[in-house]
Structures are given as structure tokens and as C-alpha cells.
Amino acid sequence: MATHLTFPELLATAEKLFGRNNYVRFAIAENRFADAIFDDETIWITNNEGFGIALGTKAGSLTEWQRFTLPRTAQPPEGSLIRGTWNFYAAALLPTRVSTTAITPLPDELIANFLALHSPDASVAPGDPEVVSWVYTLDTSEEISALGAIVKWQSGELCL
């Protein structure tokens, strides 16, 4: 039987189903939360802008969702535009040694060019308000070989 969940109930249910470091904890901000439905190991979550997330064994899109995130194993509704596919990984890190390394900021144009060439479907770009910092590695010729954004999601969690 389907049950509507409050925000605290949603977080507790997601932790029971998926462990402490789960996508719900990172992706859902309490001030944007509208509704969550739980039924048979599956959660459907809607934010106050109508964006939906479905997770679990019976994950699928609700008819009222225009934009949504589904697991790769779920069948999207016919005619859906797939904007990108990605994986979510999380780990609790307990640093044993703290150190700080200064990173010379890259110009936005250089970041944008790298993303256009190597990751045209990237979910963040220079100037996005959730970007806290860009991190990168250089190859032996001092060219960017890897690039990532540390972002602060609406939930307040930091992600790379």
C-alpha cells in the first residue's frame, strides 16, 4: 500500500533502503521538497518545481512529471528525451591527515572549451551558482587532462 512520506520520513526510508550515502540525501533539499510516495521498496519524490526522482525496484516516471531522474534499469515513458546518463557514487570519508593545496583557478573559457570537447552533456558549466570550485589535473605538457566541479547541491551536500 502506497504511503506519503514527510521529508524526515523520506530521509529515514532512503537510508534503510540504500544506506547512509544515498542519492536522496544529496539530491533533495528540504525547502524544495513537495511530496514522496513509498510503496514496495520504491520511492517517488517530487520537488516544488514538479521535478521527479524515482528509486527502487519498481522505479518509473509518474504521469505528472515533465522532467525526472530514473535508474538506468527503469523504462522511461515513450517519447522521453534522454538528456544524459550518469552514475552516482558516494562514500563517507574520514580524513586521517588534513592538508590544503592551493589550486590556481582556470579561466571560464578554458573550462567551457574542455567541457565542450570532452563532456558536452555536463550538468554544470562555468558560472553555475552551485559550483564551489573547479579542480583539475594537468598532463606533462601542462594541458588539462581531467576536470571536475565541486558543487554544493540544494541539499547543502558537497559533491564532485
Foldseek 3Di string as FASTA:
>chain_A
DKDKDQPVRVQVLCCVLPNNPDPCLQADANVQWDIWIDDDQKIWTAGVVQEIEIDGDAGEDDPSHPHYDYPPVYDYPPPDDDLDDDDDDDDDDDDPDDDDDDDDADDQVLQQVVCVVPPVSDPDGPPPPQFPGKDFDADPVRRTPDIDTFGQHSNRDTDD
